[in-house]
């Protein structure tokens, strides 16, 4: 479904991604793991068109999308949930979710999809009339994920969905991610909680200083001594 080939991205004089290559197959959950500044977020932002690469290819469903705009990429079926839970704070929960369908005009299906988001996230239905600023961190994460689903993505990019959340909420968020995947959405997940990410994913890549250092099945990397030492506290 998605393949990055020798991707190079610069921030001024900083070489953020150095010949990064990896792929995501249809139906998978793939996780990209690394420390702060390793290039995880830059990878997602470049795939979704928010950053521009100096060289390389991003092949999505057989087409190079490297030079396409962010709005074109959304219409092609890639939705990006950025880190930091960026809700529209003075708008209601329902209004936030409706904004996810801004590229669509199939009103009847949009209503069905909003209903489905509320089935996935019952707490959002209870809070649907409240302003998003009044939600907890976990509820805001559910909201931005639900909003992203309104574009009906084939590929969902998730950047640090567990950041700053209590452990019990983290477990809930990861269960939701797995359920979204089971319903047919492919997921590329960036996450500092390496253990949870590897326990949820099919395959994984380790990125260090802008380079892919290790790859394998999630189970293989969970059992890798280098990964245990660097990311799993052992």
Foldseek 3Di string as FASTA:
>chain_A
DKWWAQWWFDDVPATQAGRAIDDFDFLFEEEEEEDPSLNPQVVVCQQLANGATPDTFIADPRDTCRPPHNVVSLLVFEFELAPDLDFPQQAFLQVRLLVLQVVDDPVVVLVVLSVVLCVLPVVCVVRRRPGLNPDDLLVSLSSSVSSPCSSVHLEYEYEASCPPHDPVSVVSVLVSVLVVSVVGHYYYYYHLLLVSSLVRGQKYFYGGSNYTDDIDGSVVLVPDPVNCVPRVVD
